[in-house]
mmCIF file of all heavy atoms, coordinates in Angstrom:
data_MODEL
# 
_entry.id   MODEL 
# 
loop_
_atom_site.group_PDB 
_atom_site.id 
_atom_site.type_symbol 
_atom_site.label_atom_id 
_atom_site.label_alt_id 
_atom_site.label_comp_id 
_atom_site.label_asym_id 
_atom_site.label_entity_id 
_atom_site.label_seq_id 
_atom_site.pdbx_PDB_ins_code 
_atom_site.Cartn_x 
_atom_site.Cartn_y 
_atom_site.Cartn_z 
_atom_site.occupancy 
_atom_site.B_iso_or_equiv 
_atom_site.pdbx_formal_charge 
_atom_site.auth_seq_id 
_atom_site.auth_comp_id 
_atom_site.auth_asym_id 
_atom_site.auth_atom_id 
_atom_site.pdbx_PDB_model_num 
ATOM 1   N N   . ASP A 1 1  ? -17.484 -23.157 70.601 1.00 0.00 ? 1  ASP A N   1 
ATOM 2   C CA  . ASP A 1 1  ? -17.896 -21.752 70.513 1.00 0.00 ? 1  ASP A CA  1 
ATOM 3   C C   . ASP A 1 1  ? -17.535 -21.115 69.176 1.00 0.00 ? 1  ASP A C   1 
ATOM 4   O O   . ASP A 1 1  ? -17.940 -19.969 68.925 1.00 0.00 ? 1  ASP A O   1 
ATOM 5   C CB  . ASP A 1 1  ? -17.232 -20.945 71.637 1.00 0.00 ? 1  ASP A CB  1 
ATOM 6   C CG  . ASP A 1 1  ? -17.736 -21.344 73.016 1.00 0.00 ? 1  ASP A CG  1 
ATOM 7   O OD1 . ASP A 1 1  ? -18.847 -21.901 73.081 1.00 0.00 ? 1  ASP A OD1 1 
ATOM 8   O OD2 . ASP A 1 1  ? -17.030 -21.096 74.008 1.00 0.00 ? 1  ASP A OD2 1 
ATOM 9   N N   . ARG A 1 2  ? -16.808 -21.800 68.310 1.00 0.00 ? 2  ARG A N   1 
ATOM 10  C CA  . ARG A 1 2  ? -16.317 -21.184 67.098 1.00 0.00 ? 2  ARG A CA  1 
ATOM 11  C C   . ARG A 1 2  ? -17.445 -20.744 66.166 1.00 0.00 ? 2  ARG A C   1 
ATOM 12  O O   . ARG A 1 2  ? -17.516 -19.576 65.753 1.00 0.00 ? 2  ARG A O   1 
ATOM 13  C CB  . ARG A 1 2  ? -15.375 -22.143 66.353 1.00 0.00 ? 2  ARG A CB  1 
ATOM 14  C CG  . ARG A 1 2  ? -14.056 -22.382 67.046 1.00 0.00 ? 2  ARG A CG  1 
ATOM 15  C CD  . ARG A 1 2  ? -13.185 -23.349 66.254 1.00 0.00 ? 2  ARG A CD  1 
ATOM 16  N NE  . ARG A 1 2  ? -12.901 -22.862 64.931 1.00 0.00 ? 2  ARG A NE  1 
ATOM 17  C CZ  . ARG A 1 2  ? -11.895 -22.047 64.617 1.00 0.00 ? 2  ARG A CZ  1 
ATOM 18  N NH1 . ARG A 1 2  ? -11.073 -21.639 65.564 1.00 0.00 ? 2  ARG A NH1 1 
ATOM 19  N NH2 . ARG A 1 2  ? -11.702 -21.660 63.375 1.00 0.00 ? 2  ARG A NH2 1 
ATOM 20  N N   . ALA A 1 3  ? -18.339 -21.682 65.832 1.00 0.00 ? 3  ALA A N   1 
ATOM 21  C CA  . ALA A 1 3  ? -19.407 -21.349 64.868 1.00 0.00 ? 3  ALA A CA  1 
ATOM 22  C C   . ALA A 1 3  ? -20.357 -20.303 65.442 1.00 0.00 ? 3  ALA A C   1 
ATOM 23  O O   . ALA A 1 3  ? -20.735 -19.345 64.749 1.00 0.00 ? 3  ALA A O   1 
ATOM 24  C CB  . ALA A 1 3  ? -20.164 -22.613 64.486 1.00 0.00 ? 3  ALA A CB  1 
ATOM 25  N N   . VAL A 1 4  ? -20.757 -20.452 66.695 1.00 0.00 ? 4  VAL A N   1 
ATOM 26  C CA  . VAL A 1 4  ? -21.705 -19.509 67.298 1.00 0.00 ? 4  VAL A CA  1 
ATOM 27  C C   . VAL A 1 4  ? -21.082 -18.118 67.406 1.00 0.00 ? 4  VAL A C   1 
ATOM 28  O O   . VAL A 1 4  ? -21.735 -17.106 67.075 1.00 0.00 ? 4  VAL A O   1 
ATOM 29  C CB  . VAL A 1 4  ? -22.126 -20.015 68.684 1.00 0.00 ? 4  VAL A CB  1 
ATOM 30  C CG1 . VAL A 1 4  ? -23.055 -19.003 69.368 1.00 0.00 ? 4  VAL A CG1 1 
ATOM 31  C CG2 . VAL A 1 4  ? -22.837 -21.371 68.566 1.00 0.00 ? 4  VAL A CG2 1 
ATOM 32  N N   . THR A 1 5  ? -19.837 -18.060 67.833 1.00 0.00 ? 5  THR A N   1 
ATOM 33  C CA  . THR A 1 5  ? -19.190 -16.747 67.986 1.00 0.00 ? 5  THR A CA  1 
ATOM 34  C C   . THR A 1 5  ? -18.976 -16.074 66.643 1.00 0.00 ? 5  THR A C   1 
ATOM 35  O O   . THR A 1 5  ? -19.161 -14.845 66.515 1.00 0.00 ? 5  THR A O   1 
ATOM 36  C CB  . THR A 1 5  ? -17.847 -16.932 68.716 1.00 0.00 ? 5  THR A CB  1 
ATOM 37  O OG1 . THR A 1 5  ? -18.042 -17.661 69.926 1.00 0.00 ? 5  THR A OG1 1 
ATOM 38  C CG2 . THR A 1 5  ? -17.244 -15.567 69.052 1.00 0.00 ? 5  THR A CG2 1 
ATOM 39  N N   . SER A 1 6  ? -18.592 -16.817 65.618 1.00 0.00 ? 6  SER A N   1 
ATOM 40  C CA  . SER A 1 6  ? -18.431 -16.229 64.280 1.00 0.00 ? 6  SER A CA  1 
ATOM 41  C C   . SER A 1 6  ? -19.741 -15.653 63.792 1.00 0.00 ? 6  SER A C   1 
ATOM 42  O O   . SER A 1 6  ? -19.769 -14.546 63.218 1.00 0.00 ? 6  SER A O   1 
ATOM 43  C CB  . SER A 1 6  ? -17.926 -17.298 63.305 1.00 0.00 ? 6  SER A CB  1 
ATOM 44  O OG  . SER A 1 6  ? -16.637 -17.758 63.662 1.00 0.00 ? 6  SER A OG  1 
ATOM 45  N N   . ASP A 1 7  ? -20.843 -16.363 64.000 1.00 0.00 ? 7  ASP A N   1 
ATOM 46  C CA  . ASP A 1 7  ? -22.148 -15.858 63.571 1.00 0.00 ? 7  ASP A CA  1 
ATOM 47  C C   . ASP A 1 7  ? -22.509 -14.577 64.302 1.00 0.00 ? 7  ASP A C   1 
ATOM 48  O O   . ASP A 1 7  ? -22.933 -13.581 63.676 1.00 0.00 ? 7  ASP A O   1 
ATOM 49  C CB  . ASP A 1 7  ? -23.201 -16.949 63.834 1.00 0.00 ? 7  ASP A CB  1 
ATOM 50  C CG  . ASP A 1 7  ? -24.610 -16.450 63.551 1.00 0.00 ? 7  ASP A CG  1 
ATOM 51  O OD1 . ASP A 1 7  ? -24.965 -16.324 62.362 1.00 0.00 ? 7  ASP A OD1 1 
ATOM 52  O OD2 . ASP A 1 7  ? -25.356 -16.173 64.513 1.00 0.00 ? 7  ASP A OD2 1 
ATOM 53  N N   . GLU A 1 8  ? -22.319 -14.565 65.617 1.00 0.00 ? 8  GLU A N   1 
ATOM 54  C CA  . GLU A 1 8  ? -22.693 -13.384 66.387 1.00 0.00 ? 8  GLU A CA  1 
ATOM 55  C C   . GLU A 1 8  ? -21.825 -12.175 66.053 1.00 0.00 ? 8  GLU A C   1 
ATOM 56  O O   . GLU A 1 8  ? -22.330 -11.042 65.918 1.00 0.00 ? 8  GLU A O   1 
ATOM 57  C CB  . GLU A 1 8  ? -22.587 -13.702 67.884 1.00 0.00 ? 8  GLU A CB  1 
ATOM 58  C CG  . GLU A 1 8  ? -23.611 -14.744 68.356 1.00 0.00 ? 8  GLU A CG  1 
ATOM 59  C CD  . GLU A 1 8  ? -23.408 -15.139 69.815 1.00 0.00 ? 8  GLU A CD  1 
ATOM 60  O OE1 . GLU A 1 8  ? -22.400 -14.687 70.405 1.00 0.00 ? 8  GLU A OE1 1 
ATOM 61  O OE2 . GLU A 1 8  ? -24.247 -15.869 70.357 1.00 0.00 ? 8  GLU A OE2 1 
ATOM 62  N N   . VAL A 1 9  ? -20.534 -12.379 65.884 1.00 0.00 ? 9  VAL A N   1 
ATOM 63  C CA  . VAL A 1 9  ? -19.624 -11.275 65.569 1.00 0.00 ? 9  VAL A CA  1 
ATOM 64  C C   . VAL A 1 9  ? -19.913 -10.727 64.164 1.00 0.00 ? 9  VAL A C   1 
ATOM 65  O O   . VAL A 1 9  ? -19.913 -9.501  63.949 1.00 0.00 ? 9  VAL A O   1 
ATOM 66  C CB  . VAL A 1 9  ? -18.164 -11.725 65.711 1.00 0.00 ? 9  VAL A CB  1 
ATOM 67  C CG1 . VAL A 1 9  ? -17.215 -10.658 65.171 1.00 0.00 ? 9  VAL A CG1 1 
ATOM 68  C CG2 . VAL A 1 9  ? -17.834 -12.016 67.166 1.00 0.00 ? 9  VAL A CG2 1 
ATOM 69  N N   . ASN A 1 10 ? -20.167 -11.609 63.202 1.00 0.00 ? 10 ASN A N   1 
ATOM 70  C CA  . ASN A 1 10 ? -20.479 -11.143 61.842 1.00 0.00 ? 10 ASN A CA  1 
ATOM 71  C C   . ASN A 1 10 ? -21.759 -10.312 61.806 1.00 0.00 ? 10 ASN A C   1 
ATOM 72  O O   . ASN A 1 10 ? -21.836 -9.289  61.111 1.00 0.00 ? 10 ASN A O   1 
ATOM 73  C CB  . ASN A 1 10 ? -20.613 -12.343 60.902 1.00 0.00 ? 10 ASN A CB  1 
ATOM 74  C CG  . ASN A 1 10 ? -19.265 -12.935 60.526 1.00 0.00 ? 10 ASN A CG  1 
ATOM 75  O OD1 . ASN A 1 10 ? -18.261 -12.229 60.485 1.00 0.00 ? 10 ASN A OD1 1 
ATOM 76  N ND2 . ASN A 1 10 ? -19.239 -14.235 60.255 1.00 0.00 ? 10 ASN A ND2 1 
ATOM 77  N N   . ARG A 1 11 ? -22.766 -10.763 62.540 1.00 0.00 ? 11 ARG A N   1 
ATOM 78  C CA  . ARG A 1 11 ? -24.006 -9.975  62.593 1.00 0.00 ? 11 ARG A CA  1 
ATOM 79  C C   . ARG A 1 11 ? -23.783 -8.614  63.248 1.00 0.00 ? 11 ARG A C   1 
ATOM 80  O O   . ARG A 1 11 ? -24.333 -7.597  62.805 1.00 0.00 ? 11 ARG A O   1 
ATOM 81  C CB  . ARG A 1 11 ? -25.080 -10.762 63.356 1.00 0.00 ? 11 ARG A CB  1 
ATOM 82  C CG  . ARG A 1 11 ? -25.566 -12.016 62.647 1.00 0.00 ? 11 ARG A CG  1 
ATOM 83  C CD  . ARG A 1 11 ? -26.564 -12.792 63.493 1.00 0.00 ? 11 ARG A CD  1 
ATOM 84  N NE  . ARG A 1 11 ? -26.968 -14.019 62.844 1.00 0.00 ? 11 ARG A NE  1 
ATOM 85  C CZ  . ARG A 1 11 ? -27.973 -14.121 61.975 1.00 0.00 ? 11 ARG A CZ  1 
ATOM 86  N NH1 . ARG A 1 11 ? -28.676 -13.032 61.688 1.00 0.00 ? 11 ARG A NH1 1 
ATOM 87  N NH2 . ARG A 1 11 ? -28.280 -15.264 61.421 1.00 0.00 ? 11 ARG A NH2 1 
ATOM 88  N N   . GLU A 1 12 ? -22.962 -8.607  64.295 1.00 0.00 ? 12 GLU A N   1 
ATOM 89  C CA  . GLU A 1 12 ? -22.674 -7.335  64.956 1.00 0.00 ? 12 GLU A CA  1 
ATOM 90  C C   . GLU A 1 12 ? -21.874 -6.394  64.065 1.00 0.00 ? 12 GLU A C   1 
ATOM 91  O O   . GLU A 1 12 ? -22.102 -5.165  64.063 1.00 0.00 ? 12 GLU A O   1 
ATOM 92  C CB  . GLU A 1 12 ? -21.924 -7.613  66.263 1.00 0.00 ? 12 GLU A CB  1 
ATOM 93  C CG  . GLU A 1 12 ? -21.700 -6.400  67.153 1.00 0.00 ? 12 GLU A CG  1 
ATOM 94  C CD  . GLU A 1 12 ? -22.986 -5.858  67.746 1.00 0.00 ? 12 GLU A CD  1 
ATOM 95  O OE1 . GLU A 1 12 ? -24.041 -6.528  67.658 1.00 0.00 ? 12 GLU A OE1 1 
ATOM 96  O OE2 . GLU A 1 12 ? -22.935 -4.740  68.297 1.00 0.00 ? 12 GLU A OE2 1 
ATOM 97  N N   . ILE A 1 13 ? -20.948 -6.953  63.293 1.00 0.00 ? 13 ILE A N   1 
ATOM 98  C CA  . ILE A 1 13 ? -20.191 -6.119  62.347 1.00 0.00 ? 13 ILE A CA  1 
ATOM 99  C C   . ILE A 1 13 ? -21.115 -5.499  61.320 1.00 0.00 ? 13 ILE A C   1 
ATOM 100 O O   . ILE A 1 13 ? -21.012 -4.282  61.011 1.00 0.00 ? 13 ILE A O   1 
ATOM 101 C CB  . ILE A 1 13 ? -19.098 -6.960  61.669 1.00 0.00 ? 13 ILE A CB  1 
ATOM 102 C CG1 . ILE A 1 13 ? -17.994 -7.332  62.665 1.00 0.00 ? 13 ILE A CG1 1 
ATOM 103 C CG2 . ILE A 1 13 ? -18.495 -6.214  60.474 1.00 0.00 ? 13 ILE A CG2 1 
ATOM 104 C CD1 . ILE A 1 13 ? -16.948 -8.273  62.104 1.00 0.00 ? 13 ILE A CD1 1 
ATOM 105 N N   . ASP A 1 14 ? -22.027 -6.278  60.778 1.00 0.00 ? 14 ASP A N   1 
ATOM 106 C CA  . ASP A 1 14 ? -22.965 -5.758  59.793 1.00 0.00 ? 14 ASP A CA  1 
ATOM 107 C C   . ASP A 1 14 ? -23.822 -4.644  60.387 1.00 0.00 ? 14 ASP A C   1 
ATOM 108 O O   . ASP A 1 14 ? -24.046 -3.604  59.749 1.00 0.00 ? 14 ASP A O   1 
ATOM 109 C CB  . ASP A 1 14 ? -23.847 -6.897  59.259 1.00 0.00 ? 14 ASP A CB  1 
ATOM 110 C CG  . ASP A 1 14 ? -24.864 -6.418  58.239 1.00 0.00 ? 14 ASP A CG  1 
ATOM 111 O OD1 . ASP A 1 14 ? -24.454 -6.082  57.107 1.00 0.00 ? 14 ASP A OD1 1 
ATOM 112 O OD2 . ASP A 1 14 ? -26.056 -6.367  58.575 1.00 0.00 ? 14 ASP A OD2 1 
ATOM 113 N N   . ARG A 1 15 ? -24.302 -4.828  61.603 1.00 0.00 ? 15 ARG A N   1 
ATOM 114 C CA  . ARG A 1 15 ? -25.159 -3.811  62.231 1.00 0.00 ? 15 ARG A CA  1 
ATOM 115 C C   . ARG A 1 15 ? -24.378 -2.529  62.511 1.00 0.00 ? 15 ARG A C   1 
ATOM 116 O O   . ARG A 1 15 ? -24.860 -1.414  62.221 1.00 0.00 ? 15 ARG A O   1 
ATOM 117 C CB  . ARG A 1 15 ? -25.734 -4.379  63.536 1.00 0.00 ? 15 ARG A CB  1 
ATOM 118 C CG  . ARG A 1 15 ? -26.757 -3.455  64.207 1.00 0.00 ? 15 ARG A CG  1 
ATOM 119 C CD  . ARG A 1 15 ? -27.208 -4.033  65.546 1.00 0.00 ? 15 ARG A CD  1 
ATOM 120 N NE  . ARG A 1 15 ? -26.128 -4.072  66.522 1.00 0.00 ? 15 ARG A NE  1 
ATOM 121 C CZ  . ARG A 1 15 ? -25.780 -3.016  67.259 1.00 0.00 ? 15 ARG A CZ  1 
ATOM 122 N NH1 . ARG A 1 15 ? -26.421 -1.832  67.135 1.00 0.00 ? 15 ARG A NH1 1 
ATOM 123 N NH2 . ARG A 1 15 ? -24.792 -3.115  68.130 1.00 0.00 ? 15 ARG A NH2 1 
ATOM 124 N N   . LEU A 1 16 ? -23.168 -2.670  63.063 1.00 0.00 ? 16 LEU A N   1 
ATOM 125 C CA  . LEU A 1 16 ? -22.391 -1.473  63.401 1.00 0.00 ? 16 LEU A CA  1 
ATOM 126 C C   . LEU A 1 16 ? -21.936 -0.725  62.139 1.00 0.00 ? 16 LEU A C   1 
ATOM 127 O O   . LEU A 1 16 ? -21.860 0.511   62.150 1.00 0.00 ? 16 LEU A O   1 
ATOM 128 C CB  . LEU A 1 16 ? -21.185 -1.879  64.239 1.00 0.00 ? 16 LEU A CB  1 
ATOM 129 C CG  . LEU A 1 16 ? -21.472 -2.391  65.655 1.00 0.00 ? 16 LEU A CG  1 
ATOM 130 C CD1 . LEU A 1 16 ? -20.205 -2.859  66.336 1.00 0.00 ? 16 LEU A CD1 1 
ATOM 131 C CD2 . LEU A 1 16 ? -22.146 -1.293  66.492 1.00 0.00 ? 16 LEU A CD2 1 
ATOM 132 N N   . CYS A 1 17 ? -21.625 -1.440  61.075 1.00 0.00 ? 17 CYS A N   1 
ATOM 133 C CA  . CYS A 1 17 ? -21.215 -0.755  59.844 1.00 0.00 ? 17 CYS A CA  1 
ATOM 134 C C   . CYS A 1 17 ? -22.377 0.041   59.260 1.00 0.00 ? 17 CYS A C   1 
ATOM 135 O O   . CYS A 1 17 ? -22.181 1.153   58.743 1.00 0.00 ? 17 CYS A O   1 
ATOM 136 C CB  . CYS A 1 17 ? -20.715 -1.789  58.825 1.00 0.00 ? 17 CYS A CB  1 
ATOM 137 S SG  . CYS A 1 17 ? -19.074 -2.455  59.195 1.00 0.00 ? 17 CYS A SG  1 
ATOM 138 N N   . ARG A 1 18 ? -23.589 -0.478  59.327 1.00 0.00 ? 18 ARG A N   1 
ATOM 139 C CA  . ARG A 1 18 ? -24.750 0.273   58.825 1.00 0.00 ? 18 ARG A CA  1 
ATOM 140 C C   . ARG A 1 18 ? -25.019 1.489   59.696 1.00 0.00 ? 18 ARG A C   1 
ATOM 141 O O   . ARG A 1 18 ? -25.395 2.560   59.188 1.00 0.00 ? 18 ARG A O   1 
ATOM 142 C CB  . ARG A 1 18 ? -25.981 -0.628  58.759 1.00 0.00 ? 18 ARG A CB  1 
ATOM 143 C CG  . ARG A 1 18 ? -25.939 -1.590  57.570 1.00 0.00 ? 18 ARG A CG  1 
ATOM 144 C CD  . ARG A 1 18 ? -27.235 -2.371  57.402 1.00 0.00 ? 18 ARG A CD  1 
ATOM 145 N NE  . ARG A 1 18 ? -27.300 -3.513  58.309 1.00 0.00 ? 18 ARG A NE  1 
ATOM 146 C CZ  . ARG A 1 18 ? -28.049 -3.575  59.399 1.00 0.00 ? 18 ARG A CZ  1 
ATOM 147 N NH1 . ARG A 1 18 ? -28.778 -2.530  59.737 1.00 0.00 ? 18 ARG A NH1 1 
ATOM 148 N NH2 . ARG A 1 18 ? -28.054 -4.649  60.170 1.00 0.00 ? 18 ARG A NH2 1 
ATOM 149 N N   . GLU A 1 19 ? -24.835 1.332   61.012 1.00 0.00 ? 19 GLU A N   1 
ATOM 150 C CA  . GLU A 1 19 ? -25.070 2.462   61.915 1.00 0.00 ? 19 GLU A CA  1 
ATOM 151 C C   . GLU A 1 19 ? -24.028 3.567   61.760 1.00 0.00 ? 19 GLU A C   1 
ATOM 152 O O   . GLU A 1 19 ? -24.318 4.740   61.961 1.00 0.00 ? 19 GLU A O   1 
ATOM 153 C CB  . GLU A 1 19 ? -25.095 1.991   63.364 1.00 0.00 ? 19 GLU A CB  1 
ATOM 154 C CG  . GLU A 1 19 ? -26.305 1.141   63.709 1.00 0.00 ? 19 GLU A CG  1 
ATOM 155 C CD  . GLU A 1 19 ? -26.288 0.695   65.164 1.00 0.00 ? 19 GLU A CD  1 
ATOM 156 O OE1 . GLU A 1 19 ? -25.271 0.995   65.839 1.00 0.00 ? 19 GLU A OE1 1 
ATOM 157 O OE2 . GLU A 1 19 ? -27.266 0.058   65.611 1.00 0.00 ? 19 GLU A OE2 1 
ATOM 158 N N   . ASN A 1 20 ? -22.797 3.200   61.400 1.00 0.00 ? 20 ASN A N   1 
ATOM 159 C CA  . ASN A 1 20 ? -21.708 4.177   61.289 1.00 0.00 ? 20 ASN A CA  1 
ATOM 160 C C   . ASN A 1 20 ? -21.391 4.549   59.843 1.00 0.00 ? 20 ASN A C   1 
ATOM 161 O O   . ASN A 1 20 ? -20.334 5.139   59.586 1.00 0.00 ? 20 ASN A O   1 
ATOM 162 C CB  . ASN A 1 20 ? -20.450 3.605   61.946 1.00 0.00 ? 20 ASN A CB  1 
ATOM 163 C CG  . ASN A 1 20 ? -20.573 3.491   63.458 1.00 0.00 ? 20 ASN A CG  1 
ATOM 164 O OD1 . ASN A 1 20 ? -20.273 4.426   64.194 1.00 0.00 ? 20 ASN A OD1 1 
ATOM 165 N ND2 . ASN A 1 20 ? -21.022 2.326   63.919 1.00 0.00 ? 20 ASN A ND2 1 
ATOM 166 N N   . ASP A 1 21 ? -22.282 4.215   58.918 1.00 0.00 ? 21 ASP A N   1 
ATOM 167 C CA  . ASP A 1 21 ? -22.129 4.590   57.494 1.00 0.00 ? 21 ASP A CA  1 
ATOM 168 C C   . ASP A 1 21 ? -20.801 4.111   56.918 1.00 0.00 ? 21 ASP A C   1 
ATOM 169 O O   . ASP A 1 21 ? -20.100 4.849   56.205 1.00 0.00 ? 21 ASP A O   1 
ATOM 170 C CB  . ASP A 1 21 ? -22.254 6.107   57.331 1.00 0.00 ? 21 ASP A CB  1 
ATOM 171 C CG  . ASP A 1 21 ? -23.623 6.608   57.703 1.00 0.00 ? 21 ASP A CG  1 
ATOM 172 O OD1 . ASP A 1 21 ? -24.605 5.865   57.488 1.00 0.00 ? 21 ASP A OD1 1 
ATOM 173 O OD2 . ASP A 1 21 ? -23.721 7.735   58.251 1.00 0.00 ? 21 ASP A OD2 1 
ATOM 174 N N   . ILE A 1 22 ? -20.439 2.896   57.256 1.00 0.00 ? 22 ILE A N   1 
ATOM 175 C CA  . ILE A 1 22 ? -19.238 2.267   56.684 1.00 0.00 ? 22 ILE A CA  1 
ATOM 176 C C   . ILE A 1 22 ? -19.703 1.335   55.572 1.00 0.00 ? 22 ILE A C   1 
ATOM 177 O O   . ILE A 1 22 ? -20.508 0.426   55.800 1.00 0.00 ? 22 ILE A O   1 
ATOM 178 C CB  . ILE A 1 22 ? -18.451 1.489   57.753 1.00 0.00 ? 22 ILE A CB  1 
ATOM 179 C CG1 . ILE A 1 22 ? -17.932 2.451   58.829 1.00 0.00 ? 22 ILE A CG1 1 
ATOM 180 C CG2 . ILE A 1 22 ? -17.296 0.714   57.119 1.00 0.00 ? 22 ILE A CG2 1 
ATOM 181 C CD1 . ILE A 1 22 ? -17.221 1.774   59.973 1.00 0.00 ? 22 ILE A CD1 1 
ATOM 182 N N   . ASN A 1 23 ? -19.194 1.574   54.390 1.00 0.00 ? 23 ASN A N   1 
ATOM 183 C CA  . ASN A 1 23 ? -19.611 0.812   53.229 1.00 0.00 ? 23 ASN A CA  1 
ATOM 184 C C   . ASN A 1 23 ? -18.752 -0.452  53.098 1.00 0.00 ? 23 ASN A C   1 
ATOM 185 O O   . ASN A 1 23 ? -17.533 -0.380  52.866 1.00 0.00 ? 23 ASN A O   1 
ATOM 186 C CB  . ASN A 1 23 ? -19.478 1.662   51.962 1.00 0.00 ? 23 ASN A CB  1 
ATOM 187 C CG  . ASN A 1 23 ? -19.991 0.934   50.729 1.00 0.00 ? 23 ASN A CG  1 
ATOM 188 O OD1 . ASN A 1 23 ? -20.717 -0.056  50.827 1.00 0.00 ? 23 ASN A OD1 1 
ATOM 189 N ND2 . ASN A 1 23 ? -19.600 1.427   49.562 1.00 0.00 ? 23 ASN A ND2 1 
ATOM 190 N N   . ILE A 1 24 ? -19.381 -1.646  53.289 1.00 0.00 ? 24 ILE A N   1 
ATOM 191 C CA  . ILE A 1 24 ? -18.698 -2.911  53.047 1.00 0.00 ? 24 ILE A CA  1 
ATOM 192 C C   . ILE A 1 24 ? -18.669 -3.147  51.551 1.00 0.00 ? 24 ILE A C   1 
ATOM 193 O O   . ILE A 1 24 ? -19.697 -3.471  50.934 1.00 0.00 ? 24 ILE A O   1 
ATOM 194 C CB  . ILE A 1 24 ? -19.387 -4.066  53.788 1.00 0.00 ? 24 ILE A CB  1 
ATOM 195 C CG1 . ILE A 1 24 ? -19.417 -3.796  55.301 1.00 0.00 ? 24 ILE A CG1 1 
ATOM 196 C CG2 . ILE A 1 24 ? -18.680 -5.391  53.506 1.00 0.00 ? 24 ILE A CG2 1 
ATOM 197 C CD1 . ILE A 1 24 ? -20.132 -4.855  56.098 1.00 0.00 ? 24 ILE A CD1 1 
ATOM 198 N N   . ALA A 1 25 ? -17.514 -2.967  50.942 1.00 0.00 ? 25 ALA A N   1 
ATOM 199 C CA  . ALA A 1 25 ? -17.427 -2.953  49.482 1.00 0.00 ? 25 ALA A CA  1 
ATOM 200 C C   . ALA A 1 25 ? -17.311 -4.366  48.937 1.00 0.00 ? 25 ALA A C   1 
ATOM 201 O O   . ALA A 1 25 ? -17.130 -5.345  49.655 1.00 0.00 ? 25 ALA A O   1 
ATOM 202 C CB  . ALA A 1 25 ? -16.214 -2.132  49.043 1.00 0.00 ? 25 ALA A CB  1 
ATOM 203 N N   . PHE A 1 26 ? -17.425 -4.443  47.611 1.00 0.00 ? 26 PHE A N   1 
ATOM 204 C CA  . PHE A 1 26 ? -17.294 -5.723  46.908 1.00 0.00 ? 26 PHE A CA  1 
ATOM 205 C C   . PHE A 1 26 ? -16.631 -5.439  45.572 1.00 0.00 ? 26 PHE A C   1 
ATOM 206 O O   . PHE A 1 26 ? -16.596 -4.298  45.101 1.00 0.00 ? 26 PHE A O   1 
ATOM 207 C CB  . PHE A 1 26 ? -18.669 -6.395  46.724 1.00 0.00 ? 26 PHE A CB  1 
ATOM 208 C CG  . PHE A 1 26 ? -19.742 -5.455  46.269 1.00 0.00 ? 26 PHE A CG  1 
ATOM 209 C CD1 . PHE A 1 26 ? -19.921 -5.178  44.924 1.00 0.00 ? 26 PHE A CD1 1 
ATOM 210 C CD2 . PHE A 1 26 ? -20.566 -4.828  47.195 1.00 0.00 ? 26 PHE A CD2 1 
ATOM 211 C CE1 . PHE A 1 26 ? -20.912 -4.321  44.501 1.00 0.00 ? 26 PHE A CE1 1 
ATOM 212 C CE2 . PHE A 1 26 ? -21.559 -3.960  46.764 1.00 0.00 ? 26 PHE A CE2 1 
ATOM 213 C CZ  . PHE A 1 26 ? -21.739 -3.698  45.428 1.00 0.00 ? 26 PHE A CZ  1 
ATOM 214 N N   . ASN A 1 27 ? -16.097 -6.469  44.968 1.00 0.00 ? 27 ASN A N   1 
ATOM 215 C CA  . ASN A 1 27 ? -15.373 -6.304  43.716 1.00 0.00 ? 27 ASN A CA  1 
ATOM 216 C C   . ASN A 1 27 ? -16.306 -5.815  42.606 1.00 0.00 ? 27 ASN A C   1 
ATOM 217 O O   . ASN A 1 27 ? -17.437 -6.278  42.463 1.00 0.00 ? 27 ASN A O   1 
ATOM 218 C CB  . ASN A 1 27 ? -14.729 -7.625  43.290 1.00 0.00 ? 27 ASN A CB  1 
ATOM 219 C CG  . ASN A 1 27 ? -13.602 -8.018  44.230 1.00 0.00 ? 27 ASN A CG  1 
ATOM 220 O OD1 . ASN A 1 27 ? -12.983 -7.168  44.853 1.00 0.00 ? 27 ASN A OD1 1 
ATOM 221 N ND2 . ASN A 1 27 ? -13.344 -9.312  44.345 1.00 0.00 ? 27 ASN A ND2 1 
# 
């Protein structure tokens, strides 16, 4: 379940951050 769960959680993080106006920053 490791690879599948990591993929699903990462996609959900990206979606929720865009919906809540959270800026995922970069260097």
